[in-house]
Amino acid sequence: MKHLKVSLVAVLAVVMATAGMAVAGTLDDVRAKGFIQAGVNGDLFGFGKPDEKGVWKGLDVDTARAIAAAVFGDANKVKFIPLTAKTRFTALQSGEIDVLTRNCTQTLGRDTALGLDFCQVNYYDGQGFLVPKKLGVKSAKELDGAAVCVLPGTTTELNLADYFRANGMKMKPVVIENTAELAKAFFAGRCDVLTSDASQLASTRSVAPNPKAYIILPEVISKEPLAPAVRHGDNQWKDIVNYSVLAMINAEEKGITSKNVDNMLKSTDPKIQRFLGVSPGNGKALGLDEKFVYNIIKQVGNYGEVFERNVGVNTTLGIERGLNALWTNGGLMYSPPFK
């Protein structure tokens, strides 16, 4: 019995050590290769898409750049990997990417069954419906019998089925894996309706041949907290990704922008001194340079700056802050203290 106990302890130690080796060390890995590999959408204007010069732009792209600024002090040390809804989780699980910043909804099932950890939400969304004005539809409850374009393997597909079933309606799903191809099918008339997160619908409408020919119906049928995701088990890397997003939110709350952050280094407010790394501690706690927050804000901006330049009211998408406003302005964006 004594030998059995010793053997069991030895086996347990090996298993725990092996598990630790398997899940830890993302920070060391990205530092060794000199850049972060971030999984993004690739075809979603305002969130993740290269412009005509090949420069990646979007809210999710800027989220990845903020992480690079935190880790390397250089927001450009990131490689963007375009992924479909079907391939995004496999890419993260396999180590093809270090972080997923691709308009991905946090759910219980994904948190548990897929071996993922979600970080701070960078966009609060909800599912809606985009239809041609000529269809004459004013409400989603008038869509009985409609052909609906939807991405497979998504919460969108499940929400769609639930909504139609709950309202006693029937529909014909038109399932296409690629976001861009799905939009083309919708604009070509292969389906009556396109359903997705409202932000994606606004993005899709903005690149339509005639954006004014389409409307987003008033119903929002789900909660879609979109957040970066990392592999389960590497707590340090999760903390880094989490606090990179929170740094942008906290900076907006404190009125720190990319334009005034240099002057804010001179602030006598102890909270701002800690936040920007003038007083040390936060960087060390994460295994980063003490100026990691400064680097994020200087090179990428605060959350309000990121939101407004990518999807805000003065962009083609024209999205109001809504739930993505600071908590002080009636929204859900709220950061814990940096101390």
C-alpha atoms as a PDB file:
ATOM      1  CA  MET A   1       0.000   0.000   0.000  1.00  0.00           C
ATOM      2  CA  LYS A   2       2.852   2.371   0.836  1.00  0.00           C
ATOM      3  CA  HIS A   3       4.482   1.733  -2.540  1.00  0.00           C
ATOM      4  CA  LEU A   4       1.135   2.248  -4.254  1.00  0.00           C
ATOM      5  CA  LYS A   5       0.707   5.630  -2.608  1.00  0.00           C
ATOM      6  CA  VAL A   6       4.204   6.686  -3.656  1.00  0.00           C
ATOM      7  CA  SER A   7       3.513   5.542  -7.224  1.00  0.00           C
ATOM      8  CA  LEU A   8       0.248   7.443  -7.369  1.00  0.00           C
ATOM      9  CA  VAL A   9       1.910  10.587  -6.083  1.00  0.00           C
ATOM     10  CA  ALA A  10       4.645  10.228  -8.705  1.00  0.00           C
ATOM     11  CA  VAL A  11       2.137   9.725 -11.506  1.00  0.00           C
ATOM     12  CA  LEU A  12       0.086  12.698 -10.326  1.00  0.00           C
ATOM     13  CA  ALA A  13       3.194  14.869 -10.247  1.00  0.00           C
ATOM     14  CA  VAL A  14       4.076  13.901 -13.820  1.00  0.00           C
ATOM     15  CA  VAL A  15       0.525  14.573 -15.034  1.00  0.00           C
ATOM     16  CA  MET A  16       0.440  17.964 -13.355  1.00  0.00           C
ATOM     17  CA  ALA A  17       3.841  18.912 -14.712  1.00  0.00           C
ATOM     18  CA  THR A  18       2.877  17.826 -18.222  1.00  0.00           C
ATOM     19  CA  ALA A  19      -0.368  19.758 -18.047  1.00  0.00           C
ATOM     20  CA  GLY A  20       1.496  22.840 -16.878  1.00  0.00           C
ATOM     21  CA  MET A  21       3.924  22.573 -19.767  1.00  0.00           C
ATOM     22  CA  ALA A  22       1.058  22.205 -22.229  1.00  0.00           C
ATOM     23  CA  VAL A  23      -0.901  25.276 -21.232  1.00  0.00           C
ATOM     24  CA  ALA A  24       1.619  27.760 -19.899  1.00  0.00           C
ATOM     25  CA  GLY A  25       4.200  29.942 -21.548  1.00  0.00           C
ATOM     26  CA  THR A  26       2.384  31.924 -24.263  1.00  0.00           C
ATOM     27  CA  LEU A  27       4.177  35.105 -23.231  1.00  0.00           C
ATOM     28  CA  ASP A  28       7.558  33.382 -23.577  1.00  0.00           C
ATOM     29  CA  ASP A  29       6.510  31.948 -26.940  1.00  0.00           C
ATOM     30  CA  VAL A  30       5.466  35.280 -28.443  1.00  0.00           C
ATOM     31  CA  ARG A  31       8.574  37.000 -27.134  1.00  0.00           C
ATOM     32  CA  ALA A  32      10.747  34.284 -28.673  1.00  0.00           C
ATOM     33  CA  LYS A  33       9.219  34.744 -32.128  1.00  0.00           C
ATOM     34  CA  GLY A  34       9.006  38.537 -31.797  1.00  0.00           C
ATOM     35  CA  PHE A  35       5.332  39.049 -32.605  1.00  0.00           C
ATOM     36  CA  ILE A  36       1.802  38.029 -31.666  1.00  0.00           C
ATOM     37  CA  GLN A  37      -0.339  35.925 -33.990  1.00  0.00           C
ATOM     38  CA  ALA A  38      -3.910  37.173 -33.743  1.00  0.00           C
ATOM     39  CA  GLY A  39      -6.918  35.485 -35.313  1.00  0.00           C
ATOM     40  CA  VAL A  40      -9.280  38.039 -36.872  1.00  0.00           C
ATOM     41  CA  ASN A  41     -12.260  38.107 -39.209  1.00  0.00           C
ATOM     42  CA  GLY A  42     -10.584  39.373 -42.373  1.00  0.00           C
ATOM     43  CA  ASP A  43     -13.745  40.495 -44.159  1.00  0.00           C
ATOM     44  CA  LEU A  44     -15.649  42.589 -41.622  1.00  0.00           C
ATOM     45  CA  PHE A  45     -15.338  46.305 -42.289  1.00  0.00           C
ATOM     46  CA  GLY A  46     -14.956  48.264 -39.050  1.00  0.00           C
ATOM     47  CA  PHE A  47     -13.795  45.253 -37.049  1.00  0.00           C
ATOM     48  CA  GLY A  48     -11.203  43.314 -39.025  1.00  0.00           C
ATOM     49  CA  LYS A  49     -10.296  43.893 -42.662  1.00  0.00           C
ATOM     50  CA  PRO A  50      -7.284  45.131 -44.645  1.00  0.00           C
ATOM     51  CA  ASP A  51      -7.807  48.389 -46.553  1.00  0.00           C
ATOM     52  CA  GLU A  52      -6.961  48.953 -50.222  1.00  0.00           C
ATOM     53  CA  LYS A  53      -3.278  49.285 -49.287  1.00  0.00           C
ATOM     54  CA  GLY A  54      -3.285  46.051 -47.310  1.00  0.00           C
ATOM     55  CA  VAL A  55      -3.220  47.783 -43.909  1.00  0.00           C
ATOM     56  CA  TRP A  56      -5.308  45.932 -41.336  1.00  0.00           C
ATOM     57  CA  LYS A  57      -7.964  48.081 -39.673  1.00  0.00           C
ATOM     58  CA  GLY A  58     -10.862  47.616 -37.274  1.00  0.00           C
ATOM     59  CA  LEU A  59     -11.876  47.498 -33.633  1.00  0.00           C
ATOM     60  CA  ASP A  60     -10.743  43.882 -33.228  1.00  0.00           C
ATOM     61  CA  VAL A  61      -7.509  44.661 -35.068  1.00  0.00           C
ATOM     62  CA  ASP A  62      -6.815  47.533 -32.669  1.00  0.00           C
ATOM     63  CA  THR A  63      -7.505  45.199 -29.746  1.00  0.00           C
ATOM     64  CA  ALA A  64      -4.722  42.913 -31.006  1.00  0.00           C
ATOM     65  CA  ARG A  65      -2.439  45.905 -31.541  1.00  0.00           C
ATOM     66  CA  ALA A  66      -3.055  46.974 -27.941  1.00  0.00           C
ATOM     67  CA  ILE A  67      -1.862  43.555 -26.751  1.00  0.00           C
ATOM     68  CA  ALA A  68       1.268  43.871 -28.920  1.00  0.00           C
ATOM     69  CA  ALA A  69       1.934  47.339 -27.505  1.00  0.00           C
ATOM     70  CA  ALA A  70       1.629  45.932 -23.986  1.00  0.00           C
ATOM     71  CA  VAL A  71       3.980  43.009 -24.646  1.00  0.00           C
ATOM     72  CA  PHE A  72       6.574  44.563 -26.973  1.00  0.00           C
ATOM     73  CA  GLY A  73       6.091  48.318 -26.628  1.00  0.00           C
ATOM     74  CA  ASP A  74       5.297  48.209 -30.355  1.00  0.00           C
ATOM     75  CA  ALA A  75       1.711  47.922 -31.589  1.00  0.00           C
ATOM     76  CA  ASN A  76       2.890  46.753 -35.009  1.00  0.00           C
ATOM     77  CA  LYS A  77       4.436  43.522 -33.752  1.00  0.00           C
ATOM     78  CA  VAL A  78       1.375  41.469 -34.581  1.00  0.00           C
ATOM     79  CA  LYS A  79       0.557  39.138 -37.471  1.00  0.00           C
ATOM     80  CA  PHE A  80      -3.095  38.950 -38.441  1.00  0.00           C
ATOM     81  CA  ILE A  81      -4.499  35.544 -39.388  1.00  0.00           C
ATOM     82  CA  PRO A  82      -7.916  35.736 -41.130  1.00  0.00           C
ATOM     83  CA  LEU A  83     -10.232  32.985 -39.884  1.00  0.00           C
ATOM     84  CA  THR A  84     -13.749  31.822 -40.634  1.00  0.00           C
ATOM     85  CA  ALA A  85     -16.362  31.125 -37.970  1.00  0.00           C
ATOM     86  CA  LYS A  86     -15.682  27.434 -38.508  1.00  0.00           C
ATOM     87  CA  THR A  87     -11.871  27.554 -38.189  1.00  0.00           C
ATOM     88  CA  ARG A  88     -11.423  30.197 -35.465  1.00  0.00           C
ATOM     89  CA  PHE A  89     -11.567  27.914 -32.421  1.00  0.00           C
ATOM     90  CA  THR A  90      -9.446  25.160 -33.925  1.00  0.00           C
ATOM     91  CA  ALA A  91      -6.765  27.720 -34.787  1.00  0.00           C
ATOM     92  CA  LEU A  92      -6.624  28.846 -31.163  1.00  0.00           C
ATOM     93  CA  GLN A  93      -6.732  25.343 -29.698  1.00  0.00           C
ATOM     94  CA  SER A  94      -3.940  24.122 -31.990  1.00  0.00           C
ATOM     95  CA  GLY A  95      -1.622  27.046 -31.244  1.00  0.00           C
ATOM     96  CA  GLU A  96      -1.807  28.491 -34.763  1.00  0.00           C
ATOM     97  CA  ILE A  97      -2.741  31.778 -33.112  1.00  0.00           C
ATOM     98  CA  ASP A  98      -1.933  33.244 -29.690  1.00  0.00           C
ATOM     99  CA  VAL A  99      -5.175  35.158 -29.222  1.00  0.00           C
ATOM    100  CA  LEU A 100      -8.541  35.265 -30.981  1.00  0.00           C
ATOM    101  CA  THR A 101      -9.832  38.801 -31.535  1.00  0.00           C
ATOM    102  CA  ARG A 102     -12.567  37.957 -34.004  1.00  0.00           C
ATOM    103  CA  ASN A 103     -16.054  39.192 -32.980  1.00  0.00           C
ATOM    104  CA  CYS A 104     -16.548  36.058 -30.899  1.00  0.00           C
ATOM    105  CA  THR A 105     -19.410  35.633 -28.419  1.00  0.00           C
ATOM    106  CA  GLN A 106     -18.626  34.367 -24.952  1.00  0.00           C
ATOM    107  CA  THR A 107     -20.899  31.475 -23.981  1.00  0.00           C
ATOM    108  CA  LEU A 108     -20.920  28.847 -21.261  1.00  0.00           C
ATOM    109  CA  GLY A 109     -20.377  26.047 -23.755  1.00  0.00           C
ATOM    110  CA  ARG A 110     -17.372  27.699 -25.357  1.00  0.00           C
ATOM    111  CA  ASP A 111     -15.872  28.521 -21.982  1.00  0.00           C
ATOM    112  CA  THR A 112     -16.118  24.908 -20.869  1.00  0.00           C
ATOM    113  CA  ALA A 113     -16.204  22.452 -23.776  1.00  0.00           C
ATOM    114  CA  LEU A 114     -13.738  24.169 -26.107  1.00  0.00           C
ATOM    115  CA  GLY A 115     -10.889  24.776 -23.671  1.00  0.00           C
ATOM    116  CA  LEU A 116     -11.057  28.552 -24.048  1.00  0.00           C
ATOM    117  CA  ASP A 117     -10.933  31.496 -21.675  1.00  0.00           C
ATOM    118  CA  PHE A 118     -12.676  34.723 -22.620  1.00  0.00           C
ATOM    119  CA  CYS A 119     -11.286  38.073 -21.544  1.00  0.00           C
ATOM    120  CA  GLN A 120     -12.827  41.531 -21.144  1.00  0.00           C
ATOM    121  CA  VAL A 121     -15.635  42.216 -23.622  1.00  0.00           C
ATOM    122  CA  ASN A 122     -14.529  44.705 -26.281  1.00  0.00           C
ATOM    123  CA  TYR A 123     -17.967  45.055 -27.914  1.00  0.00           C
ATOM    124  CA  TYR A 124     -21.465  44.381 -26.591  1.00  0.00           C
ATOM    125  CA  ASP A 125     -23.719  43.312 -29.441  1.00  0.00           C
ATOM    126  CA  GLY A 126     -26.984  41.556 -30.250  1.00  0.00           C
ATOM    127  CA  GLN A 127     -28.335  39.607 -33.213  1.00  0.00           C
ATOM    128  CA  GLY A 128     -30.584  41.291 -35.744  1.00  0.00           C
ATOM    129  CA  PHE A 129     -31.945  41.039 -39.282  1.00  0.00           C
ATOM    130  CA  LEU A 130     -31.017  42.902 -42.474  1.00  0.00           C
ATOM    131  CA  VAL A 131     -33.611  43.013 -45.272  1.00  0.00           C
ATOM    132  CA  PRO A 132     -34.089  44.836 -48.580  1.00  0.00           C
ATOM    133  CA  LYS A 133     -36.466  47.787 -48.248  1.00  0.00           C
ATOM    134  CA  LYS A 134     -38.393  46.528 -51.267  1.00  0.00           C
ATOM    135  CA  LEU A 135     -39.443  43.483 -49.220  1.00  0.00           C
ATOM    136  CA  GLY A 136     -41.762  45.815 -47.306  1.00  0.00           C
ATOM    137  CA  VAL A 137     -41.041  44.113 -43.971  1.00  0.00           C
ATOM    138  CA  LYS A 138     -41.078  46.252 -40.820  1.00  0.00           C
ATOM    139  CA  SER A 139     -40.634  43.565 -38.150  1.00  0.00           C
ATOM    140  CA  ALA A 140     -38.826  40.238 -37.789  1.00  0.00           C
ATOM    141  CA  LYS A 141     -42.179  38.687 -36.882  1.00  0.00           C
ATOM    142  CA  GLU A 142     -43.236  39.184 -40.511  1.00  0.00           C
ATOM    143  CA  LEU A 143     -40.516  36.835 -41.781  1.00  0.00           C
ATOM    144  CA  ASP A 144     -42.510  33.582 -41.740  1.00  0.00           C
ATOM    145  CA  GLY A 145     -41.377  31.420 -44.676  1.00  0.00           C
ATOM    146  CA  ALA A 146     -38.363  33.601 -45.489  1.00  0.00           C
ATOM    147  CA  ALA A 147     -35.062  32.306 -46.810  1.00  0.00           C
ATOM    148  CA  VAL A 148     -32.406  33.418 -44.300  1.00  0.00           C
ATOM    149  CA  CYS A 149     -28.655  33.687 -44.946  1.00  0.00           C
ATOM    150  CA  VAL A 150     -26.673  32.588 -41.884  1.00  0.00           C
ATOM    151  CA  LEU A 151     -23.160  31.463 -40.970  1.00  0.00           C
ATOM    152  CA  PRO A 152     -22.911  27.813 -39.863  1.00  0.00           C
ATOM    153  CA  GLY A 153     -21.505  26.650 -36.535  1.00  0.00           C
ATOM    154  CA  THR A 154     -22.270  29.930 -34.780  1.00  0.00           C
ATOM    155  CA  THR A 155     -24.458  31.142 -31.943  1.00  0.00           C
ATOM    156  CA  THR A 156     -26.212  33.099 -34.713  1.00  0.00           C
ATOM    157  CA  GLU A 157     -27.469  29.889 -36.313  1.00  0.00           C
ATOM    158  CA  LEU A 158     -28.792  28.582 -32.985  1.00  0.00           C
ATOM    159  CA  ASN A 159     -30.439  31.911 -32.079  1.00  0.00           C
ATOM    160  CA  LEU A 160     -32.132  32.027 -35.475  1.00  0.00           C
ATOM    161  CA  ALA A 161     -33.672  28.575 -35.056  1.00  0.00           C
ATOM    162  CA  ASP A 162     -34.775  29.372 -31.494  1.00  0.00           C
ATOM    163  CA  TYR A 163     -36.390  32.674 -32.511  1.00  0.00           C
ATOM    164  CA  PHE A 164     -38.416  31.237 -35.376  1.00  0.00           C
ATOM    165  CA  ARG A 165     -39.495  28.242 -33.322  1.00  0.00           C
ATOM    166  CA  ALA A 166     -40.509  30.413 -30.366  1.00  0.00           C
ATOM    167  CA  ASN A 167     -42.625  32.621 -32.631  1.00  0.00           C
ATOM    168  CA  GLY A 168     -44.267  29.755 -34.510  1.00  0.00           C
ATOM    169  CA  MET A 169     -42.631  30.651 -37.815  1.00  0.00           C
ATOM    170  CA  LYS A 170     -40.841  28.638 -40.471  1.00  0.00           C
ATOM    171  CA  MET A 171     -37.770  29.628 -42.456  1.00  0.00           C
ATOM    172  CA  LYS A 172     -35.365  28.253 -45.056  1.00  0.00           C
ATOM    173  CA  PRO A 173     -31.732  28.599 -43.918  1.00  0.00           C
ATOM    174  CA  VAL A 174     -29.150  29.408 -46.589  1.00  0.00           C
ATOM    175  CA  VAL A 175     -25.883  28.340 -44.982  1.00  0.00           C
ATOM    176  CA  ILE A 176     -22.558  29.658 -46.322  1.00  0.00           C
ATOM    177  CA  GLU A 177     -19.334  29.426 -44.304  1.00  0.00           C
ATOM    178  CA  ASN A 178     -17.508  32.572 -45.505  1.00  0.00           C
ATOM    179  CA  THR A 179     -18.745  35.991 -44.342  1.00  0.00           C
ATOM    180  CA  ALA A 180     -17.993  37.751 -47.627  1.00  0.00           C
ATOM    181  CA  GLU A 181     -19.626  35.004 -49.703  1.00  0.00           C
ATOM    182  CA  LEU A 182     -22.664  35.061 -47.435  1.00  0.00           C
ATOM    183  CA  ALA A 183     -23.064  38.803 -48.030  1.00  0.00           C
ATOM    184  CA  LYS A 184     -22.720  38.294 -51.794  1.00  0.00           C
ATOM    185  CA  ALA A 185     -25.441  35.666 -51.704  1.00  0.00           C
ATOM    186  CA  PHE A 186     -27.742  38.051 -49.839  1.00  0.00           C
ATOM    187  CA  PHE A 187     -27.127  40.957 -52.200  1.00  0.00           C
ATOM    188  CA  ALA A 188     -27.635  38.608 -55.179  1.00  0.00           C
ATOM    189  CA  GLY A 189     -31.095  37.708 -53.877  1.00  0.00           C
ATOM    190  CA  ARG A 190     -30.406  34.103 -52.894  1.00  0.00           C
ATOM    191  CA  CYS A 191     -32.088  34.810 -49.552  1.00  0.00           C
ATOM    192  CA  ASP A 192     -34.629  37.312 -48.266  1.00  0.00           C
ATOM    193  CA  VAL A 193     -32.869  38.063 -44.990  1.00  0.00           C
ATOM    194  CA  LEU A 194     -29.354  38.206 -43.615  1.00  0.00           C
ATOM    195  CA  THR A 195     -29.026  37.567 -39.889  1.00  0.00           C
ATOM    196  CA  SER A 196     -25.960  38.252 -37.773  1.00  0.00           C
ATOM    197  CA  ASP A 197     -24.777  40.500 -34.963  1.00  0.00           C
ATOM    198  CA  ALA A 198     -26.113  44.012 -35.493  1.00  0.00           C
ATOM    199  CA  SER A 199     -22.576  45.358 -35.845  1.00  0.00           C
ATOM    200  CA  GLN A 200     -21.886  42.894 -38.675  1.00  0.00           C
ATOM    201  CA  LEU A 201     -25.139  43.847 -40.366  1.00  0.00           C
ATOM    202  CA  ALA A 202     -24.138  47.518 -40.263  1.00  0.00           C
ATOM    203  CA  SER A 203     -20.750  46.566 -41.684  1.00  0.00           C
ATOM    204  CA  THR A 204     -22.302  44.467 -44.445  1.00  0.00           C
ATOM    205  CA  ARG A 205     -24.800  47.164 -45.368  1.00  0.00           C
ATOM    206  CA  SER A 206     -22.010  49.761 -45.592  1.00  0.00           C
ATOM    207  CA  VAL A 207     -20.339  47.841 -48.436  1.00  0.00           C
ATOM    208  CA  ALA A 208     -23.579  47.045 -50.305  1.00  0.00           C
ATOM    209  CA  PRO A 209     -23.967  48.238 -53.927  1.00  0.00           C
ATOM    210  CA  ASN A 210     -26.656  50.600 -52.602  1.00  0.00           C
ATOM    211  CA  PRO A 211     -26.613  50.764 -48.767  1.00  0.00           C
ATOM    212  CA  LYS A 212     -29.808  52.848 -48.650  1.00  0.00           C
ATOM    213  CA  ALA A 213     -31.718  49.970 -50.222  1.00  0.00           C
ATOM    214  CA  TYR A 214     -31.441  47.905 -47.018  1.00  0.00           C
ATOM    215  CA  ILE A 215     -32.733  48.288 -43.466  1.00  0.00           C
ATOM    216  CA  ILE A 216     -31.938  46.629 -40.152  1.00  0.00           C
ATOM    217  CA  LEU A 217     -35.147  45.512 -38.469  1.00  0.00           C
ATOM    218  CA  PRO A 218     -35.788  46.783 -34.917  1.00  0.00           C
ATOM    219  CA  GLU A 219     -35.719  43.395 -33.142  1.00  0.00           C
ATOM    220  CA  VAL A 220     -32.558  42.372 -31.274  1.00  0.00           C
ATOM    221  CA  ILE A 221     -33.001  38.693 -30.439  1.00  0.00           C
ATOM    222  CA  SER A 222     -29.922  37.850 -28.364  1.00  0.00           C
ATOM    223  CA  LYS A 223     -27.113  38.998 -26.111  1.00  0.00           C
ATOM    224  CA  GLU A 224     -23.729  38.828 -27.836  1.00  0.00           C
ATOM    225  CA  PRO A 225     -20.839  39.873 -25.586  1.00  0.00           C
ATOM    226  CA  LEU A 226     -17.907  39.820 -28.022  1.00  0.00           C
ATOM    227  CA  ALA A 227     -14.536  39.276 -26.383  1.00  0.00           C
ATOM    228  CA  PRO A 228     -10.963  38.179 -27.102  1.00  0.00           C
ATOM    229  CA  ALA A 229     -10.292  34.533 -26.290  1.00  0.00           C
ATOM    230  CA  VAL A 230      -7.162  32.628 -25.240  1.00  0.00           C
ATOM    231  CA  ARG A 231      -6.377  29.003 -24.488  1.00  0.00           C
ATOM    232  CA  HIS A 232      -7.530  27.749 -21.108  1.00  0.00           C
ATOM    233  CA  GLY A 233      -4.928  27.373 -18.391  1.00  0.00           C
ATOM    234  CA  ASP A 234      -2.350  30.093 -19.130  1.00  0.00           C
ATOM    235  CA  ASN A 235      -3.414  32.582 -16.489  1.00  0.00           C
ATOM    236  CA  GLN A 236      -0.615  35.060 -17.101  1.00  0.00           C
ATOM    237  CA  TRP A 237      -1.443  35.384 -20.789  1.00  0.00           C
ATOM    238  CA  LYS A 238      -5.139  35.735 -20.022  1.00  0.00           C
ATOM    239  CA  ASP A 239      -4.354  38.523 -17.538  1.00  0.00           C
ATOM    240  CA  ILE A 240      -2.238  40.336 -20.148  1.00  0.00           C
ATOM    241  CA  VAL A 241      -4.956  40.192 -22.800  1.00  0.00           C
ATOM    242  CA  ASN A 242      -7.627  41.105 -20.252  1.00  0.00           C
ATOM    243  CA  TYR A 243      -5.817  44.143 -18.871  1.00  0.00           C
ATOM    244  CA  SER A 244      -4.793  45.344 -22.318  1.00  0.00           C
ATOM    245  CA  VAL A 245      -8.482  45.824 -23.125  1.00  0.00           C
ATOM    246  CA  LEU A 246      -9.266  47.183 -19.662  1.00  0.00           C
ATOM    247  CA  ALA A 247      -6.419  49.698 -19.996  1.00  0.00           C
ATOM    248  CA  MET A 248      -8.181  51.320 -22.944  1.00  0.00           C
ATOM    249  CA  ILE A 249     -11.482  51.449 -21.064  1.00  0.00           C
ATOM    250  CA  ASN A 250      -9.891  52.865 -17.909  1.00  0.00           C
ATOM    251  CA  ALA A 251      -7.963  55.448 -19.935  1.00  0.00           C
ATOM    252  CA  GLU A 252     -11.177  56.771 -21.451  1.00  0.00           C
ATOM    253  CA  GLU A 253     -12.769  57.028 -18.009  1.00  0.00           C
ATOM    254  CA  LYS A 254      -9.792  59.021 -16.742  1.00  0.00           C
ATOM    255  CA  GLY A 255      -9.743  61.282 -19.808  1.00  0.00           C
ATOM    256  CA  ILE A 256      -6.376  59.998 -21.022  1.00  0.00           C
ATOM    257  CA  THR A 257      -6.025  59.954 -24.810  1.00  0.00           C
ATOM    258  CA  SER A 258      -3.296  59.267 -27.348  1.00  0.00           C
ATOM    259  CA  LYS A 259      -2.908  63.032 -27.701  1.00  0.00           C
ATOM    260  CA  ASN A 260      -2.562  63.982 -24.019  1.00  0.00           C
ATOM    261  CA  VAL A 261      -0.933  60.872 -22.538  1.00  0.00           C
ATOM    262  CA  ASP A 262       2.541  62.436 -22.543  1.00  0.00           C
ATOM    263  CA  ASN A 263       1.306  65.366 -20.462  1.00  0.00           C
ATOM    264  CA  MET A 264      -0.583  62.987 -18.178  1.00  0.00           C
ATOM    265  CA  LEU A 265       2.746  61.392 -17.238  1.00  0.00           C
ATOM    266  CA  LYS A 266       3.330  64.577 -15.239  1.00  0.00           C
ATOM    267  CA  SER A 267       0.101  64.193 -13.254  1.00  0.00           C
ATOM    268  CA  THR A 268       0.399  64.292  -9.467  1.00  0.00           C
ATOM    269  CA  ASP A 269      -2.678  62.049  -9.103  1.00  0.00           C
ATOM    270  CA  PRO A 270      -1.354  58.798  -7.562  1.00  0.00           C
ATOM    271  CA  LYS A 271      -3.982  56.758  -9.427  1.00  0.00           C
ATOM    272  CA  ILE A 272      -2.810  58.097 -12.776  1.00  0.00           C
ATOM    273  CA  GLN A 273       0.833  57.660 -11.773  1.00  0.00           C
ATOM    274  CA  ARG A 274       0.187  53.970 -11.034  1.00  0.00           C
ATOM    275  CA  PHE A 275      -1.932  53.539 -14.134  1.00  0.00           C
ATOM    276  CA  LEU A 276       0.675  54.938 -16.525  1.00  0.00           C
ATOM    277  CA  GLY A 277       3.593  53.218 -14.800  1.00  0.00           C
ATOM    278  CA  VAL A 278       5.213  56.311 -13.326  1.00  0.00           C
ATOM    279  CA  SER A 279       4.792  54.516 -10.004  1.00  0.00           C
ATOM    280  CA  PRO A 280       5.916  50.907 -10.578  1.00  0.00           C
ATOM    281  CA  GLY A 281       4.097  47.697  -9.759  1.00  0.00           C
ATOM    282  CA  ASN A 282       1.397  46.964 -12.325  1.00  0.00           C
ATOM    283  CA  GLY A 283       3.815  46.028 -15.082  1.00  0.00           C
ATOM    284  CA  LYS A 284       5.795  43.704 -12.846  1.00  0.00           C
ATOM    285  CA  ALA A 285       2.595  41.999 -11.718  1.00  0.00           C
ATOM    286  CA  LEU A 286       1.849  41.026 -15.336  1.00  0.00           C
ATOM    287  CA  GLY A 287       5.435  40.320 -16.364  1.00  0.00           C
ATOM    288  CA  LEU A 288       5.471  43.412 -18.584  1.00  0.00           C
ATOM    289  CA  ASP A 289       7.253  46.742 -18.793  1.00  0.00           C
ATOM    290  CA  GLU A 290       5.919  49.298 -16.314  1.00  0.00           C
ATOM    291  CA  LYS A 291       4.942  51.553 -19.228  1.00  0.00           C
ATOM    292  CA  PHE A 292       2.707  48.955 -20.862  1.00  0.00           C
ATOM    293  CA  VAL A 293      -0.433  51.068 -20.388  1.00  0.00           C
ATOM    294  CA  TYR A 294       1.321  54.173 -21.685  1.00  0.00           C
ATOM    295  CA  ASN A 295       2.403  52.263 -24.787  1.00  0.00           C
ATOM    296  CA  ILE A 296      -1.158  51.068 -25.441  1.00  0.00           C
ATOM    297  CA  ILE A 297      -2.687  54.527 -25.121  1.00  0.00           C
ATOM    298  CA  LYS A 298       0.076  56.329 -27.022  1.00  0.00           C
ATOM    299  CA  GLN A 299       0.096  53.923 -29.949  1.00  0.00           C
ATOM    300  CA  VAL A 300      -3.512  52.677 -30.117  1.00  0.00           C
ATOM    301  CA  GLY A 301      -5.622  55.076 -28.041  1.00  0.00           C
ATOM    302  CA  ASN A 302      -8.273  54.747 -25.384  1.00  0.00           C
ATOM    303  CA  TYR A 303     -11.442  52.714 -25.978  1.00  0.00           C
ATOM    304  CA  GLY A 304     -13.460  55.737 -27.094  1.00  0.00           C
ATOM    305  CA  GLU A 305     -10.836  56.641 -29.697  1.00  0.00           C
ATOM    306  CA  VAL A 306     -10.729  53.065 -30.984  1.00  0.00           C
ATOM    307  CA  PHE A 307     -14.536  52.834 -31.157  1.00  0.00           C
ATOM    308  CA  GLU A 308     -15.089  56.164 -32.886  1.00  0.00           C
ATOM    309  CA  ARG A 309     -12.447  55.785 -35.590  1.00  0.00           C
ATOM    310  CA  ASN A 310     -13.532  52.270 -36.537  1.00  0.00           C
ATOM    311  CA  VAL A 311     -17.312  52.010 -36.106  1.00  0.00           C
ATOM    312  CA  GLY A 312     -18.553  55.286 -34.567  1.00  0.00           C
ATOM    313  CA  VAL A 313     -21.180  57.758 -35.721  1.00  0.00           C
ATOM    314  CA  ASN A 314     -18.764  59.588 -38.029  1.00  0.00           C
ATOM    315  CA  THR A 315     -17.746  56.423 -39.879  1.00  0.00           C
ATOM    316  CA  THR A 316     -19.542  54.622 -42.697  1.00  0.00           C
ATOM    317  CA  LEU A 317     -21.071  52.272 -40.127  1.00  0.00           C
ATOM    318  CA  GLY A 318     -22.440  55.127 -38.004  1.00  0.00           C
ATOM    319  CA  ILE A 319     -22.893  53.086 -34.815  1.00  0.00           C
ATOM    320  CA  GLU A 320     -23.914  54.832 -31.583  1.00  0.00           C
ATOM    321  CA  ARG A 321     -22.001  53.912 -28.419  1.00  0.00           C
ATOM    322  CA  GLY A 322     -25.110  52.437 -26.736  1.00  0.00           C
ATOM    323  CA  LEU A 323     -24.110  49.547 -24.457  1.00  0.00           C
ATOM    324  CA  ASN A 324     -20.487  50.212 -25.394  1.00  0.00           C
ATOM    325  CA  ALA A 325     -20.454  53.571 -23.661  1.00  0.00           C
ATOM    326  CA  LEU A 326     -18.684  53.948 -20.332  1.00  0.00           C
ATOM    327  CA  TRP A 327     -20.678  52.959 -17.269  1.00  0.00           C
ATOM    328  CA  THR A 328     -20.666  56.631 -16.289  1.00  0.00           C
ATOM    329  CA  ASN A 329     -22.603  57.353 -19.503  1.00  0.00           C
ATOM    330  CA  GLY A 330     -25.158  54.562 -19.169  1.00  0.00           C
ATOM    331  CA  GLY A 331     -23.150  51.846 -20.908  1.00  0.00           C
ATOM    332  CA  LEU A 332     -21.490  48.632 -19.756  1.00  0.00           C
ATOM    333  CA  MET A 333     -17.821  49.507 -20.181  1.00  0.00           C
ATOM    334  CA  TYR A 334     -16.319  49.380 -16.690  1.00  0.00           C
ATOM    335  CA  SER A 335     -12.769  48.737 -15.524  1.00  0.00           C
ATOM    336  CA  PRO A 336     -11.554  47.530 -12.137  1.00  0.00           C
ATOM    337  CA  PRO A 337      -8.854  49.625 -10.442  1.00  0.00           C
ATOM    338  CA  PHE A 338      -5.266  49.371 -11.711  1.00  0.00           C
ATOM    339  CA  LYS A 339      -3.485  48.861  -8.400  1.00  0.00           C
END
